[in-house]
Structure formats: structure tokens, C-alpha cells
Amino acid sequence: MRYRVTEAAPPRVAGRAVQPGDVLDLTEPAARFELLAGHLVAEPADPAAVADLSASAEPAVKPASKRR
């Protein structure tokens, strides 16, 4: 997932030297601390990709089956 570095970020984010406005490709677990600290914000998804997902007939996550 892509994340943008904020003005509040220190010189190093997720082990990388960064400047405000830089875009990083990180996994969600790798970005979690930096997101909570306010050092990163999620980049908006590609509008074409979002449109493709919303047109899907199936839900993105299927509900769990009930156990008896």
C-alpha cells in the first residue's frame, strides 16, 4: 500500500530517510506505528481500480459460516 509522509514525520520513517511529501510503499503491519504516530497518511487508491471493485457483484469479504 502507498503512504505519504506528513510534515510531522521525523527524518527517518519505517527505517528510511524521508522528507515530507515522499511516498512510500509499505505493508500495513510495517506502516501501522507510523500511521498511529501521524507520520504517514494513506494515499488514495487509483480511481479506476476503485470503480472496478465497486462494480463487482460479490462482496469483498464473505461472511463466516455459522457453526452448529
PDB file of N, CA and C in Angstrom:
ATOM      1  N   MET A   1       0.849  -1.165   0.000  1.00  0.00           N
ATOM      2  CA  MET A   1       0.000   0.000   0.000  1.00  0.00           C
ATOM      3  C   MET A   1       0.898   1.232   0.000  1.00  0.00           C
ATOM      4  N   ARG A   2       0.382   2.325  -0.532  1.00  0.00           N
ATOM      5  CA  ARG A   2       1.175   3.544  -0.636  1.00  0.00           C
ATOM      6  C   ARG A   2       0.794   4.525   0.473  1.00  0.00           C
ATOM      7  N   TYR A   3       1.803   5.157   1.065  1.00  0.00           N
ATOM      8  CA  TYR A   3       1.607   6.117   2.141  1.00  0.00           C
ATOM      9  C   TYR A   3       2.418   7.373   1.859  1.00  0.00           C
ATOM     10  N   ARG A   4       1.849   8.545   2.208  1.00  0.00           N
ATOM     11  CA  ARG A   4       2.546   9.816   2.030  1.00  0.00           C
ATOM     12  C   ARG A   4       3.075  10.274   3.393  1.00  0.00           C
ATOM     13  N   VAL A   5       4.324  10.763   3.412  1.00  0.00           N
ATOM     14  CA  VAL A   5       4.971  11.249   4.629  1.00  0.00           C
ATOM     15  C   VAL A   5       4.408  12.628   4.964  1.00  0.00           C
ATOM     16  N   THR A   6       4.045  12.851   6.236  1.00  0.00           N
ATOM     17  CA  THR A   6       3.469  14.117   6.680  1.00  0.00           C
ATOM     18  C   THR A   6       4.560  15.075   7.156  1.00  0.00           C
ATOM     19  N   GLU A   7       4.161  16.318   7.420  1.00  0.00           N
ATOM     20  CA  GLU A   7       5.073  17.338   7.947  1.00  0.00           C
ATOM     21  C   GLU A   7       5.542  16.982   9.358  1.00  0.00           C
ATOM     22  N   ALA A   8       4.759  16.196  10.093  1.00  0.00           N
ATOM     23  CA  ALA A   8       5.085  15.831  11.473  1.00  0.00           C
ATOM     24  C   ALA A   8       6.116  14.706  11.572  1.00  0.00           C
ATOM     25  N   ALA A   9       6.492  14.138  10.455  1.00  0.00           N
ATOM     26  CA  ALA A   9       7.389  12.976  10.455  1.00  0.00           C
ATOM     27  C   ALA A   9       8.823  13.369  10.797  1.00  0.00           C
ATOM     28  N   PRO A  10       9.523  12.472  11.508  1.00  0.00           N
ATOM     29  CA  PRO A  10      10.948  12.686  11.762  1.00  0.00           C
ATOM     30  C   PRO A  10      11.752  12.413  10.484  1.00  0.00           C
ATOM     31  N   PRO A  11      13.071  12.621  10.527  1.00  0.00           N
ATOM     32  CA  PRO A  11      13.884  12.389   9.323  1.00  0.00           C
ATOM     33  C   PRO A  11      13.882  10.942   8.826  1.00  0.00           C
ATOM     34  N   ARG A  12      13.583   9.973   9.701  1.00  0.00           N
ATOM     35  CA  ARG A  12      13.537   8.573   9.288  1.00  0.00           C
ATOM     36  C   ARG A  12      12.180   7.993   9.659  1.00  0.00           C
ATOM     37  N   VAL A  13      11.530   7.375   8.674  1.00  0.00           N
ATOM     38  CA  VAL A  13      10.229   6.737   8.868  1.00  0.00           C
ATOM     39  C   VAL A  13      10.335   5.319   8.339  1.00  0.00           C
ATOM     40  N   ALA A  14       9.937   4.359   9.159  1.00  0.00           N
ATOM     41  CA  ALA A  14       9.982   2.940   8.782  1.00  0.00           C
ATOM     42  C   ALA A  14      11.387   2.546   8.324  1.00  0.00           C
ATOM     43  N   GLY A  15      12.399   3.114   8.970  1.00  0.00           N
ATOM     44  CA  GLY A  15      13.779   2.761   8.679  1.00  0.00           C
ATOM     45  C   GLY A  15      14.346   3.411   7.429  1.00  0.00           C
ATOM     46  N   ARG A  16      13.637   4.367   6.851  1.00  0.00           N
ATOM     47  CA  ARG A  16      14.088   5.018   5.619  1.00  0.00           C
ATOM     48  C   ARG A  16      14.232   6.518   5.839  1.00  0.00           C
ATOM     49  N   ALA A  17      15.229   7.117   5.219  1.00  0.00           N
ATOM     50  CA  ALA A  17      15.383   8.565   5.248  1.00  0.00           C
ATOM     51  C   ALA A  17      14.301   9.160   4.338  1.00  0.00           C
ATOM     52  N   VAL A  18      13.523  10.103   4.888  1.00  0.00           N
ATOM     53  CA  VAL A  18      12.399  10.672   4.138  1.00  0.00           C
ATOM     54  C   VAL A  18      12.328  12.177   4.329  1.00  0.00           C
ATOM     55  N   GLN A  19      11.543  12.797   3.481  1.00  0.00           N
ATOM     56  CA  GLN A  19      11.190  14.201   3.592  1.00  0.00           C
ATOM     57  C   GLN A  19       9.672  14.292   3.480  1.00  0.00           C
ATOM     58  N   PRO A  20       9.066  15.343   4.061  1.00  0.00           N
ATOM     59  CA  PRO A  20       7.608  15.494   3.943  1.00  0.00           C
ATOM     60  C   PRO A  20       7.174  15.489   2.482  1.00  0.00           C
ATOM     61  N   GLY A  21       6.114  14.730   2.200  1.00  0.00           N
ATOM     62  CA  GLY A  21       5.587  14.626   0.854  1.00  0.00           C
ATOM     63  C   GLY A  21       6.063  13.397   0.099  1.00  0.00           C
ATOM     64  N   ASP A  22       7.118  12.725   0.602  1.00  0.00           N
ATOM     65  CA  ASP A  22       7.584  11.500  -0.049  1.00  0.00           C
ATOM     66  C   ASP A  22       6.497  10.437   0.023  1.00  0.00           C
ATOM     67  N   VAL A  23       6.483   9.526  -0.942  1.00  0.00           N
ATOM     68  CA  VAL A  23       5.525   8.425  -0.972  1.00  0.00           C
ATOM     69  C   VAL A  23       6.291   7.125  -0.773  1.00  0.00           C
ATOM     70  N   LEU A  24       5.819   6.297   0.173  1.00  0.00           N
ATOM     71  CA  LEU A  24       6.455   5.025   0.490  1.00  0.00           C
ATOM     72  C   LEU A  24       5.502   3.880   0.187  1.00  0.00           C
ATOM     73  N   ASP A  25       6.045   2.783  -0.308  1.00  0.00           N
ATOM     74  CA  ASP A  25       5.283   1.547  -0.462  1.00  0.00           C
ATOM     75  C   ASP A  25       5.624   0.658   0.721  1.00  0.00           C
ATOM     76  N   LEU A  26       4.648   0.444   1.599  1.00  0.00           N
ATOM     77  CA  LEU A  26       4.849  -0.353   2.804  1.00  0.00           C
ATOM     78  C   LEU A  26       3.698  -1.330   2.969  1.00  0.00           C
ATOM     79  N   THR A  27       3.967  -2.405   3.702  1.00  0.00           N
ATOM     80  CA  THR A  27       2.879  -3.303   4.087  1.00  0.00           C
ATOM     81  C   THR A  27       2.117  -2.641   5.227  1.00  0.00           C
ATOM     82  N   GLU A  28       0.896  -3.072   5.445  1.00  0.00           N
ATOM     83  CA  GLU A  28       0.101  -2.494   6.527  1.00  0.00           C
ATOM     84  C   GLU A  28       0.759  -2.680   7.891  1.00  0.00           C
ATOM     85  N   PRO A  29       1.305  -3.876   8.208  1.00  0.00           N
ATOM     86  CA  PRO A  29       1.972  -4.019   9.506  1.00  0.00           C
ATOM     87  C   PRO A  29       3.196  -3.101   9.643  1.00  0.00           C
ATOM     88  N   ALA A  30       3.942  -2.901   8.569  1.00  0.00           N
ATOM     89  CA  ALA A  30       5.125  -2.042   8.623  1.00  0.00           C
ATOM     90  C   ALA A  30       4.744  -0.581   8.816  1.00  0.00           C
ATOM     91  N   ALA A  31       3.586  -0.173   8.330  1.00  0.00           N
ATOM     92  CA  ALA A  31       3.154   1.223   8.411  1.00  0.00           C
ATOM     93  C   ALA A  31       2.334   1.525   9.661  1.00  0.00           C
ATOM     94  N   ARG A  32       1.900   0.516  10.388  1.00  0.00           N
ATOM     95  CA  ARG A  32       0.964   0.714  11.495  1.00  0.00           C
ATOM     96  C   ARG A  32       1.452   1.736  12.525  1.00  0.00           C
ATOM     97  N   PHE A  33       2.663   1.594  13.039  1.00  0.00           N
ATOM     98  CA  PHE A  33       3.171   2.516  14.056  1.00  0.00           C
ATOM     99  C   PHE A  33       3.249   3.936  13.510  1.00  0.00           C
ATOM    100  N   GLU A  34       3.768   4.068  12.305  1.00  0.00           N
ATOM    101  CA  GLU A  34       3.942   5.396  11.710  1.00  0.00           C
ATOM    102  C   GLU A  34       2.586   6.065  11.458  1.00  0.00           C
ATOM    103  N   LEU A  35       1.569   5.290  11.086  1.00  0.00           N
ATOM    104  CA  LEU A  35       0.224   5.839  10.916  1.00  0.00           C
ATOM    105  C   LEU A  35      -0.326   6.341  12.243  1.00  0.00           C
ATOM    106  N   LEU A  36      -0.172   5.529  13.292  1.00  0.00           N
ATOM    107  CA  LEU A  36      -0.671   5.922  14.615  1.00  0.00           C
ATOM    108  C   LEU A  36       0.049   7.146  15.150  1.00  0.00           C
ATOM    109  N   ALA A  37       1.334   7.296  14.819  1.00  0.00           N
ATOM    110  CA  ALA A  37       2.125   8.435  15.280  1.00  0.00           C
ATOM    111  C   ALA A  37       1.850   9.692  14.450  1.00  0.00           C
ATOM    112  N   GLY A  38       1.146   9.551  13.331  1.00  0.00           N
ATOM    113  CA  GLY A  38       0.840  10.696  12.493  1.00  0.00           C
ATOM    114  C   GLY A  38       1.947  11.036  11.509  1.00  0.00           C
ATOM    115  N   HIS A  39       2.877  10.118  11.312  1.00  0.00           N
ATOM    116  CA  HIS A  39       3.989  10.351  10.391  1.00  0.00           C
ATOM    117  C   HIS A  39       3.618  10.034   8.945  1.00  0.00           C
ATOM    118  N   LEU A  40       2.576   9.227   8.750  1.00  0.00           N
ATOM    119  CA  LEU A  40       2.144   8.823   7.418  1.00  0.00           C
ATOM    120  C   LEU A  40       0.632   8.986   7.285  1.00  0.00           C
ATOM    121  N   VAL A  41       0.182   9.167   6.050  1.00  0.00           N
ATOM    122  CA  VAL A  41      -1.244   9.104   5.722  1.00  0.00           C
ATOM    123  C   VAL A  41      -1.374   8.203   4.495  1.00  0.00           C
ATOM    124  N   ALA A  42      -2.456   7.468   4.419  1.00  0.00           N
ATOM    125  CA  ALA A  42      -2.666   6.559   3.294  1.00  0.00           C
ATOM    126  C   ALA A  42      -2.934   7.367   2.027  1.00  0.00           C
ATOM    127  N   GLU A  43      -2.334   6.933   0.939  1.00  0.00           N
ATOM    128  CA  GLU A  43      -2.563   7.550  -0.364  1.00  0.00           C
ATOM    129  C   GLU A  43      -3.902   7.063  -0.890  1.00  0.00           C
ATOM    130  N   PRO A  44      -4.663   7.917  -1.538  1.00  0.00           N
ATOM    131  CA  PRO A  44      -5.926   7.451  -2.125  1.00  0.00           C
ATOM    132  C   PRO A  44      -5.662   6.417  -3.213  1.00  0.00           C
ATOM    133  N   ALA A  45      -6.544   5.473  -3.316  1.00  0.00           N
ATOM    134  CA  ALA A  45      -6.403   4.412  -4.321  1.00  0.00           C
ATOM    135  C   ALA A  45      -6.640   4.984  -5.714  1.00  0.00           C
ATOM    136  N   ASP A  46      -6.184   4.269  -6.711  1.00  0.00           N
ATOM    137  CA  ASP A  46      -6.402   4.648  -8.104  1.00  0.00           C
ATOM    138  C   ASP A  46      -7.908   4.638  -8.372  1.00  0.00           C
ATOM    139  N   PRO A  47      -8.476   5.742  -8.856  1.00  0.00           N
ATOM    140  CA  PRO A  47      -9.934   5.784  -9.073  1.00  0.00           C
ATOM    141  C   PRO A  47     -10.450   4.684 -10.003  1.00  0.00           C
ATOM    142  N   ALA A  48      -9.666   4.300 -10.997  1.00  0.00           N
ATOM    143  CA  ALA A  48     -10.109   3.240 -11.907  1.00  0.00           C
ATOM    144  C   ALA A  48     -10.200   1.912 -11.174  1.00  0.00           C
ATOM    145  N   ALA A  49      -9.254   1.650 -10.275  1.00  0.00           N
ATOM    146  CA  ALA A  49      -9.268   0.401  -9.514  1.00  0.00           C
ATOM    147  C   ALA A  49     -10.452   0.371  -8.553  1.00  0.00           C
ATOM    148  N   VAL A  50     -10.770   1.507  -7.942  1.00  0.00           N
ATOM    149  CA  VAL A  50     -11.906   1.575  -7.023  1.00  0.00           C
ATOM    150  C   VAL A  50     -13.205   1.335  -7.777  1.00  0.00           C
ATOM    151  N   ALA A  51     -13.331   1.889  -8.979  1.00  0.00           N
ATOM    152  CA  ALA A  51     -14.537   1.699  -9.776  1.00  0.00           C
ATOM    153  C   ALA A  51     -14.706   0.236 -10.148  1.00  0.00           C
ATOM    154  N   ASP A  52     -13.607  -0.463 -10.468  1.00  0.00           N
ATOM    155  CA  ASP A  52     -13.681  -1.879 -10.806  1.00  0.00           C
ATOM    156  C   ASP A  52     -14.152  -2.699  -9.620  1.00  0.00           C
ATOM    157  N   LEU A  53     -13.685  -2.347  -8.420  1.00  0.00           N
ATOM    158  CA  LEU A  53     -14.072  -3.104  -7.229  1.00  0.00           C
ATOM    159  C   LEU A  53     -15.536  -2.866  -6.873  1.00  0.00           C
ATOM    160  N   SER A  54     -16.010  -1.640  -7.041  1.00  0.00           N
ATOM    161  CA  SER A  54     -17.396  -1.352  -6.675  1.00  0.00           C
ATOM    162  C   SER A  54     -18.385  -1.994  -7.646  1.00  0.00           C
ATOM    163  N   ALA A  55     -17.955  -2.287  -8.854  1.00  0.00           N
ATOM    164  CA  ALA A  55     -18.842  -2.902  -9.842  1.00  0.00           C
ATOM    165  C   ALA A  55     -18.963  -4.409  -9.633  1.00  0.00           C
ATOM    166  N   SER A  56     -18.150  -4.970  -8.769  1.00  0.00           N
ATOM    167  CA  SER A  56     -18.162  -6.404  -8.517  1.00  0.00           C
ATOM    168  C   SER A  56     -19.489  -6.831  -7.897  1.00  0.00           C
ATOM    169  N   ALA A  57     -20.026  -7.971  -8.320  1.00  0.00           N
ATOM    170  CA  ALA A  57     -21.291  -8.471  -7.789  1.00  0.00           C
ATOM    171  C   ALA A  57     -21.107  -9.119  -6.420  1.00  0.00           C
ATOM    172  N   GLU A  58     -19.939  -9.707  -6.173  1.00  0.00           N
ATOM    173  CA  GLU A  58     -19.689 -10.360  -4.899  1.00  0.00           C
ATOM    174  C   GLU A  58     -19.117  -9.371  -3.899  1.00  0.00           C
ATOM    175  N   PRO A  59     -19.452  -9.535  -2.613  1.00  0.00           N
ATOM    176  CA  PRO A  59     -18.842  -8.665  -1.612  1.00  0.00           C
ATOM    177  C   PRO A  59     -17.342  -8.966  -1.495  1.00  0.00           C
ATOM    178  N   ALA A  60     -16.577  -7.979  -1.067  1.00  0.00           N
ATOM    179  CA  ALA A  60     -15.129  -8.142  -0.953  1.00  0.00           C
ATOM    180  C   ALA A  60     -14.778  -9.203   0.093  1.00  0.00           C
ATOM    181  N   VAL A  61     -15.566  -9.250   1.171  1.00  0.00           N
ATOM    182  CA  VAL A  61     -15.321 -10.223   2.237  1.00  0.00           C
ATOM    183  C   VAL A  61     -16.601 -11.007   2.448  1.00  0.00           C
ATOM    184  N   LYS A  62     -16.484 -12.311   2.362  1.00  0.00           N
ATOM    185  CA  LYS A  62     -17.657 -13.150   2.578  1.00  0.00           C
ATOM    186  C   LYS A  62     -17.858 -13.368   4.066  1.00  0.00           C
ATOM    187  N   PRO A  63     -19.082 -13.383   4.532  1.00  0.00           N
ATOM    188  CA  PRO A  63     -19.326 -13.619   5.961  1.00  0.00           C
ATOM    189  C   PRO A  63     -18.928 -15.057   6.347  1.00  0.00           C
ATOM    190  N   ALA A  64     -18.510 -15.204   7.569  1.00  0.00           N
ATOM    191  CA  ALA A  64     -18.116 -16.517   8.067  1.00  0.00           C
ATOM    192  C   ALA A  64     -19.352 -17.417   8.162  1.00  0.00           C
ATOM    193  N   SER A  65     -19.159 -18.688   7.923  1.00  0.00           N
ATOM    194  CA  SER A  65     -20.288 -19.611   8.045  1.00  0.00           C
ATOM    195  C   SER A  65     -20.595 -19.856   9.512  1.00  0.00           C
ATOM    196  N   LYS A  66     -21.853 -20.145   9.776  1.00  0.00           N
ATOM    197  CA  LYS A  66     -22.257 -20.392  11.162  1.00  0.00           C
ATOM    198  C   LYS A  66     -21.984 -21.845  11.510  1.00  0.00           C
ATOM    199  N   ARG A  67     -21.412 -22.039  12.653  1.00  0.00           N
ATOM    200  CA  ARG A  67     -21.176 -23.395  13.130  1.00  0.00           C
ATOM    201  C   ARG A  67     -22.333 -23.856  13.979  1.00  0.00           C
ATOM    202  N   ARG A  68     -22.625 -25.115  13.882  1.00  0.00           N
ATOM    203  CA  ARG A  68     -23.716 -25.644  14.713  1.00  0.00           C
ATOM    204  C   ARG A  68     -23.202 -26.626  15.696  1.00  0.00           C
TER     205      ARG A  68
END
